[in-house]
Amino acid sequence: MSENNQNNLAGVLLAAGSSSRLGQPKQLVTWNSKTLLDIAIEKLLPICDAGVFVITGAYAEEIESSILHYPLTIIRNQDWRRGMNSSLRCGLEAVLHSNAIASLIMLCDQPLLKREHIESLVKSWNEDISQPAATRYNNSNGVPAILPVSSFKEINKSFGDVGARKYLEKLPNNRLVVVGNSEFDIDTIEDLEKLNEKK
């Protein structure tokens, strides 16, 4: 995708979790000389011409101070302890007040996710911008996912603490982009050790 293409797409990066199983803020874990948060932001910025919103919560001050040099909007979720659902709500609300027609939802703990995958996701969404597009893993659909503004109301109805997963599970195959080991995410010390083996 050309960086000059206009798609009215806003990025929403969920970075509010406490990383309780990891024992340290995963957002600030360094891999290949960059934090996981930096890696995710730098994938979103060239693609999301309607802006990037980073949702913070736990460790907010430390995380926010690390990304002030990026051209993005920080939104602090005061209810982050209620789970990813509450952070997604914050992000979708911000998108509603922007000029975006859709939101690209990402997590900050999938460093193996290639920019090419995100571009493929945008290409799939562009085939019908009124419909969502999502990532297909081995047994489920998930993020990164693109949610058009017109779908936000229905997504809100399906919320549990699984975020939009219930909604995304209903998508047909032609709205899904399959990934391989990019699904690898960082939740535990063991995950972090495996990631460091991939340097």
C-alpha atoms as a PDB file:
ATOM      1  CA  MET A   1       0.000   0.000   0.000  1.00  0.00           C
ATOM      2  CA  SER A   2       1.255   3.423  -0.841  1.00  0.00           C
ATOM      3  CA  GLU A   3       1.695   5.688   2.158  1.00  0.00           C
ATOM      4  CA  ASN A   4       0.001   8.396   0.098  1.00  0.00           C
ATOM      5  CA  ASN A   5      -3.265   6.508  -0.217  1.00  0.00           C
ATOM      6  CA  GLN A   6      -6.082   8.016   1.811  1.00  0.00           C
ATOM      7  CA  ASN A   7      -8.282   5.471   3.538  1.00  0.00           C
ATOM      8  CA  ASN A   8      -9.822   7.475   6.426  1.00  0.00           C
ATOM      9  CA  LEU A   9      -8.629   4.734   8.742  1.00  0.00           C
ATOM     10  CA  ALA A  10      -7.843   5.400  12.416  1.00  0.00           C
ATOM     11  CA  GLY A  11      -5.528   3.168  14.412  1.00  0.00           C
ATOM     12  CA  VAL A  12      -6.512   2.070  17.911  1.00  0.00           C
ATOM     13  CA  LEU A  13      -3.673   0.506  19.882  1.00  0.00           C
ATOM     14  CA  LEU A  14      -4.738  -1.183  23.120  1.00  0.00           C
ATOM     15  CA  ALA A  15      -1.943  -0.736  25.652  1.00  0.00           C
ATOM     16  CA  ALA A  16      -3.728  -0.452  28.995  1.00  0.00           C
ATOM     17  CA  GLY A  17      -3.179  -3.891  30.528  1.00  0.00           C
ATOM     18  CA  SER A  18      -1.183  -4.579  33.697  1.00  0.00           C
ATOM     19  CA  SER A  19       0.744  -7.563  32.246  1.00  0.00           C
ATOM     20  CA  SER A  20       0.165  -9.376  35.547  1.00  0.00           C
ATOM     21  CA  ARG A  21       1.413 -12.735  34.268  1.00  0.00           C
ATOM     22  CA  LEU A  22       4.593 -11.185  32.874  1.00  0.00           C
ATOM     23  CA  GLY A  23       5.409  -9.241  36.031  1.00  0.00           C
ATOM     24  CA  GLN A  24       6.430  -6.085  34.146  1.00  0.00           C
ATOM     25  CA  PRO A  25       4.714  -3.785  31.645  1.00  0.00           C
ATOM     26  CA  LYS A  26       4.896  -5.684  28.370  1.00  0.00           C
ATOM     27  CA  GLN A  27       4.350  -2.418  26.537  1.00  0.00           C
ATOM     28  CA  LEU A  28       7.900  -1.383  27.487  1.00  0.00           C
ATOM     29  CA  VAL A  29       9.624  -4.718  26.911  1.00  0.00           C
ATOM     30  CA  THR A  30      12.483  -4.176  24.451  1.00  0.00           C
ATOM     31  CA  TRP A  31      13.014  -6.376  21.408  1.00  0.00           C
ATOM     32  CA  ASN A  32      15.525  -5.565  18.680  1.00  0.00           C
ATOM     33  CA  SER A  33      16.280  -2.233  20.380  1.00  0.00           C
ATOM     34  CA  LYS A  34      12.661  -1.051  20.392  1.00  0.00           C
ATOM     35  CA  THR A  35       9.829  -1.441  22.859  1.00  0.00           C
ATOM     36  CA  LEU A  36       6.888  -3.590  21.844  1.00  0.00           C
ATOM     37  CA  LEU A  37       4.791  -0.422  21.958  1.00  0.00           C
ATOM     38  CA  ASP A  38       7.158   1.376  19.575  1.00  0.00           C
ATOM     39  CA  ILE A  39       7.065  -1.557  17.168  1.00  0.00           C
ATOM     40  CA  ALA A  40       3.262  -1.515  17.035  1.00  0.00           C
ATOM     41  CA  ILE A  41       3.007   2.278  16.699  1.00  0.00           C
ATOM     42  CA  GLU A  42       5.475   2.349  13.831  1.00  0.00           C
ATOM     43  CA  LYS A  43       3.380  -0.192  11.936  1.00  0.00           C
ATOM     44  CA  LEU A  44       0.196   1.817  12.389  1.00  0.00           C
ATOM     45  CA  LEU A  45       1.357   5.360  11.676  1.00  0.00           C
ATOM     46  CA  PRO A  46       2.091   4.985   7.923  1.00  0.00           C
ATOM     47  CA  ILE A  47      -1.232   3.253   7.292  1.00  0.00           C
ATOM     48  CA  CYS A  48      -3.721   5.125   9.483  1.00  0.00           C
ATOM     49  CA  ASP A  49      -4.146   8.530   7.865  1.00  0.00           C
ATOM     50  CA  ALA A  50      -6.999   9.486  10.234  1.00  0.00           C
ATOM     51  CA  GLY A  51      -4.698   9.270  13.239  1.00  0.00           C
ATOM     52  CA  VAL A  52      -3.535   6.765  15.832  1.00  0.00           C
ATOM     53  CA  PHE A  53      -5.069   6.510  19.304  1.00  0.00           C
ATOM     54  CA  VAL A  54      -3.108   4.721  22.027  1.00  0.00           C
ATOM     55  CA  ILE A  55      -5.189   3.568  24.991  1.00  0.00           C
ATOM     56  CA  THR A  56      -3.249   3.488  28.249  1.00  0.00           C
ATOM     57  CA  GLY A  57      -4.187   2.422  31.764  1.00  0.00           C
ATOM     58  CA  ALA A  58      -1.792   0.512  34.018  1.00  0.00           C
ATOM     59  CA  TYR A  59       1.663   2.126  34.216  1.00  0.00           C
ATOM     60  CA  ALA A  60       0.091   5.050  32.335  1.00  0.00           C
ATOM     61  CA  GLU A  61       2.625   7.765  33.164  1.00  0.00           C
ATOM     62  CA  GLU A  62       5.631   5.601  32.367  1.00  0.00           C
ATOM     63  CA  ILE A  63       4.136   4.342  29.106  1.00  0.00           C
ATOM     64  CA  GLU A  64       2.839   7.724  27.972  1.00  0.00           C
ATOM     65  CA  SER A  65       6.160   9.459  28.559  1.00  0.00           C
ATOM     66  CA  SER A  66       7.861   6.891  26.305  1.00  0.00           C
ATOM     67  CA  ILE A  67       5.737   7.745  23.246  1.00  0.00           C
ATOM     68  CA  LEU A  68       5.365  11.519  23.418  1.00  0.00           C
ATOM     69  CA  HIS A  69       7.617  11.932  20.379  1.00  0.00           C
ATOM     70  CA  TYR A  70       5.109  10.199  18.091  1.00  0.00           C
ATOM     71  CA  PRO A  71       2.318  12.079  16.256  1.00  0.00           C
ATOM     72  CA  LEU A  72      -0.566  10.327  17.977  1.00  0.00           C
ATOM     73  CA  THR A  73      -3.301  10.801  20.561  1.00  0.00           C
ATOM     74  CA  ILE A  74      -3.052   9.227  24.004  1.00  0.00           C
ATOM     75  CA  ILE A  75      -6.274   8.286  25.783  1.00  0.00           C
ATOM     76  CA  ARG A  76      -6.078   7.140  29.385  1.00  0.00           C
ATOM     77  CA  ASN A  77      -8.654   4.510  30.306  1.00  0.00           C
ATOM     78  CA  GLN A  78      -9.514   5.055  33.966  1.00  0.00           C
ATOM     79  CA  ASP A  79     -11.452   1.758  33.989  1.00  0.00           C
ATOM     80  CA  TRP A  80      -8.621  -0.381  32.592  1.00  0.00           C
ATOM     81  CA  ARG A  81      -9.016  -2.904  35.434  1.00  0.00           C
ATOM     82  CA  ARG A  82     -12.304  -3.960  33.825  1.00  0.00           C
ATOM     83  CA  GLY A  83     -10.373  -5.515  30.977  1.00  0.00           C
ATOM     84  CA  MET A  84      -9.735  -5.073  27.291  1.00  0.00           C
ATOM     85  CA  ASN A  85     -13.403  -4.419  26.639  1.00  0.00           C
ATOM     86  CA  SER A  86     -13.234  -1.069  28.445  1.00  0.00           C
ATOM     87  CA  SER A  87     -10.139  -0.013  26.503  1.00  0.00           C
ATOM     88  CA  LEU A  88     -11.753  -0.930  23.209  1.00  0.00           C
ATOM     89  CA  ARG A  89     -14.744   1.186  24.147  1.00  0.00           C
ATOM     90  CA  CYS A  90     -12.427   4.150  24.772  1.00  0.00           C
ATOM     91  CA  GLY A  91     -10.827   3.667  21.388  1.00  0.00           C
ATOM     92  CA  LEU A  92     -14.069   3.333  19.463  1.00  0.00           C
ATOM     93  CA  GLU A  93     -15.463   6.418  21.158  1.00  0.00           C
ATOM     94  CA  ALA A  94     -12.412   8.399  20.068  1.00  0.00           C
ATOM     95  CA  VAL A  95     -12.786   7.182  16.499  1.00  0.00           C
ATOM     96  CA  LEU A  96     -16.411   8.313  16.458  1.00  0.00           C
ATOM     97  CA  HIS A  97     -15.193  11.858  17.130  1.00  0.00           C
ATOM     98  CA  SER A  98     -12.607  11.770  14.354  1.00  0.00           C
ATOM     99  CA  ASN A  99     -13.018  11.911  10.587  1.00  0.00           C
ATOM    100  CA  ALA A 100     -12.329   8.186  10.275  1.00  0.00           C
ATOM    101  CA  ILE A 101     -14.748   5.774   8.645  1.00  0.00           C
ATOM    102  CA  ALA A 102     -13.171   2.730  10.318  1.00  0.00           C
ATOM    103  CA  SER A 103     -10.752   1.729  13.045  1.00  0.00           C
ATOM    104  CA  LEU A 104      -7.786  -0.619  12.811  1.00  0.00           C
ATOM    105  CA  ILE A 105      -7.551  -2.348  16.195  1.00  0.00           C
ATOM    106  CA  MET A 106      -4.159  -3.657  17.318  1.00  0.00           C
ATOM    107  CA  LEU A 107      -2.455  -4.967  20.437  1.00  0.00           C
ATOM    108  CA  CYS A 108       1.096  -4.082  21.413  1.00  0.00           C
ATOM    109  CA  ASP A 109       2.283  -7.619  22.168  1.00  0.00           C
ATOM    110  CA  GLN A 110       2.492  -9.172  18.690  1.00  0.00           C
ATOM    111  CA  PRO A 111       5.958  -8.050  17.539  1.00  0.00           C
ATOM    112  CA  LEU A 112       6.241 -10.773  14.900  1.00  0.00           C
ATOM    113  CA  LEU A 113       3.265  -9.330  13.077  1.00  0.00           C
ATOM    114  CA  LYS A 114       4.538  -8.017   9.764  1.00  0.00           C
ATOM    115  CA  ARG A 115       3.438  -4.757   8.221  1.00  0.00           C
ATOM    116  CA  GLU A 116       2.574  -6.791   5.126  1.00  0.00           C
ATOM    117  CA  HIS A 117      -0.135  -8.525   7.105  1.00  0.00           C
ATOM    118  CA  ILE A 118      -1.678  -5.218   8.089  1.00  0.00           C
ATOM    119  CA  GLU A 119      -1.552  -4.060   4.485  1.00  0.00           C
ATOM    120  CA  SER A 120      -3.297  -7.288   3.399  1.00  0.00           C
ATOM    121  CA  LEU A 121      -5.952  -6.634   6.029  1.00  0.00           C
ATOM    122  CA  VAL A 122      -6.524  -3.120   4.689  1.00  0.00           C
ATOM    123  CA  LYS A 123      -6.718  -4.502   1.142  1.00  0.00           C
ATOM    124  CA  SER A 124      -9.356  -7.019   2.216  1.00  0.00           C
ATOM    125  CA  TRP A 125     -11.347  -4.293   3.978  1.00  0.00           C
ATOM    126  CA  ASN A 126     -11.147  -2.033   0.922  1.00  0.00           C
ATOM    127  CA  GLU A 127     -13.065  -4.618  -1.090  1.00  0.00           C
ATOM    128  CA  ASP A 128     -16.122  -3.592   0.936  1.00  0.00           C
ATOM    129  CA  ILE A 129     -15.449  -0.779   3.389  1.00  0.00           C
ATOM    130  CA  SER A 130     -18.873  -1.185   4.979  1.00  0.00           C
ATOM    131  CA  GLN A 131     -17.847  -4.566   6.409  1.00  0.00           C
ATOM    132  CA  PRO A 132     -15.213  -5.531   9.004  1.00  0.00           C
ATOM    133  CA  ALA A 133     -12.065  -7.491   8.222  1.00  0.00           C
ATOM    134  CA  ALA A 134     -10.068  -9.489  10.755  1.00  0.00           C
ATOM    135  CA  THR A 135      -7.141 -11.808  11.306  1.00  0.00           C
ATOM    136  CA  ARG A 136      -7.657 -15.566  11.237  1.00  0.00           C
ATOM    137  CA  TYR A 137      -5.554 -17.652  13.597  1.00  0.00           C
ATOM    138  CA  ASN A 138      -5.606 -21.436  13.927  1.00  0.00           C
ATOM    139  CA  ASN A 139      -8.964 -21.669  15.655  1.00  0.00           C
ATOM    140  CA  SER A 140     -10.377 -18.189  15.953  1.00  0.00           C
ATOM    141  CA  ASN A 141     -10.684 -14.704  14.500  1.00  0.00           C
ATOM    142  CA  GLY A 142      -9.134 -11.701  16.196  1.00  0.00           C
ATOM    143  CA  VAL A 143      -7.008  -8.600  15.965  1.00  0.00           C
ATOM    144  CA  PRO A 144      -5.573  -6.875  14.109  1.00  0.00           C
ATOM    145  CA  ALA A 145      -9.043  -6.151  12.803  1.00  0.00           C
ATOM    146  CA  ILE A 146     -10.698  -3.312  10.940  1.00  0.00           C
ATOM    147  CA  LEU A 147     -14.078  -2.210  12.244  1.00  0.00           C
ATOM    148  CA  PRO A 148     -16.114   0.293  10.209  1.00  0.00           C
ATOM    149  CA  VAL A 149     -17.806   3.009  12.228  1.00  0.00           C
ATOM    150  CA  SER A 150     -21.166   1.683  11.051  1.00  0.00           C
ATOM    151  CA  SER A 151     -20.492  -1.562  12.965  1.00  0.00           C
ATOM    152  CA  PHE A 152     -19.716   0.017  16.354  1.00  0.00           C
ATOM    153  CA  LYS A 153     -23.298  -0.168  17.613  1.00  0.00           C
ATOM    154  CA  GLU A 154     -23.556  -3.893  16.926  1.00  0.00           C
ATOM    155  CA  ILE A 155     -20.112  -4.514  18.403  1.00  0.00           C
ATOM    156  CA  ASN A 156     -21.145  -2.767  21.616  1.00  0.00           C
ATOM    157  CA  LYS A 157     -24.062  -5.193  21.912  1.00  0.00           C
ATOM    158  CA  SER A 158     -21.751  -8.196  21.710  1.00  0.00           C
ATOM    159  CA  PHE A 159     -19.196  -6.986  24.273  1.00  0.00           C
ATOM    160  CA  GLY A 160     -17.950  -9.195  27.060  1.00  0.00           C
ATOM    161  CA  ASP A 161     -14.435  -9.011  28.426  1.00  0.00           C
ATOM    162  CA  VAL A 162     -13.375 -10.702  25.180  1.00  0.00           C
ATOM    163  CA  GLY A 163     -13.719  -7.363  23.419  1.00  0.00           C
ATOM    164  CA  ALA A 164     -15.089  -7.741  19.895  1.00  0.00           C
ATOM    165  CA  ARG A 165     -14.144 -11.405  19.531  1.00  0.00           C
ATOM    166  CA  LYS A 166     -17.729 -12.655  19.568  1.00  0.00           C
ATOM    167  CA  TYR A 167     -18.570 -10.229  16.785  1.00  0.00           C
ATOM    168  CA  LEU A 168     -15.499 -11.129  14.734  1.00  0.00           C
ATOM    169  CA  GLU A 169     -16.184 -14.858  14.970  1.00  0.00           C
ATOM    170  CA  LYS A 170     -19.201 -14.336  12.697  1.00  0.00           C
ATOM    171  CA  LEU A 171     -17.171 -13.000   9.789  1.00  0.00           C
ATOM    172  CA  PRO A 172     -17.062 -15.044   6.556  1.00  0.00           C
ATOM    173  CA  ASN A 173     -13.778 -16.373   5.191  1.00  0.00           C
ATOM    174  CA  ASN A 174     -13.518 -13.693   2.518  1.00  0.00           C
ATOM    175  CA  ARG A 175     -13.196 -11.053   5.267  1.00  0.00           C
ATOM    176  CA  LEU A 176     -10.314 -12.838   7.006  1.00  0.00           C
ATOM    177  CA  VAL A 177      -6.547 -12.674   6.516  1.00  0.00           C
ATOM    178  CA  VAL A 178      -4.674 -15.742   7.750  1.00  0.00           C
ATOM    179  CA  VAL A 179      -1.378 -15.440   9.646  1.00  0.00           C
ATOM    180  CA  GLY A 180       1.255 -17.942  10.702  1.00  0.00           C
ATOM    181  CA  ASN A 181       3.588 -17.355  13.641  1.00  0.00           C
ATOM    182  CA  SER A 182       2.598 -13.685  13.775  1.00  0.00           C
ATOM    183  CA  GLU A 183      -0.077 -14.721  16.239  1.00  0.00           C
ATOM    184  CA  PHE A 184       2.629 -15.210  18.863  1.00  0.00           C
ATOM    185  CA  ASP A 185       1.972 -12.812  21.723  1.00  0.00           C
ATOM    186  CA  ILE A 186       3.711 -12.001  24.979  1.00  0.00           C
ATOM    187  CA  ASP A 187       1.906 -12.933  28.178  1.00  0.00           C
ATOM    188  CA  THR A 188       4.463 -14.764  30.342  1.00  0.00           C
ATOM    189  CA  ILE A 189       8.196 -14.893  31.045  1.00  0.00           C
ATOM    190  CA  GLU A 190       8.319 -18.046  28.936  1.00  0.00           C
ATOM    191  CA  ASP A 191       6.781 -16.160  26.002  1.00  0.00           C
ATOM    192  CA  LEU A 192       9.385 -13.441  26.402  1.00  0.00           C
ATOM    193  CA  GLU A 193      12.207 -15.999  26.424  1.00  0.00           C
ATOM    194  CA  LYS A 194      10.853 -17.558  23.212  1.00  0.00           C
ATOM    195  CA  LEU A 195      10.629 -14.120  21.616  1.00  0.00           C
ATOM    196  CA  ASN A 196      14.244 -13.344  22.504  1.00  0.00           C
ATOM    197  CA  GLU A 197      15.273 -16.595  20.803  1.00  0.00           C
ATOM    198  CA  LYS A 198      13.861 -15.141  17.561  1.00  0.00           C
ATOM    199  CA  LYS A 199      16.174 -12.115  17.483  1.00  0.00           C
END
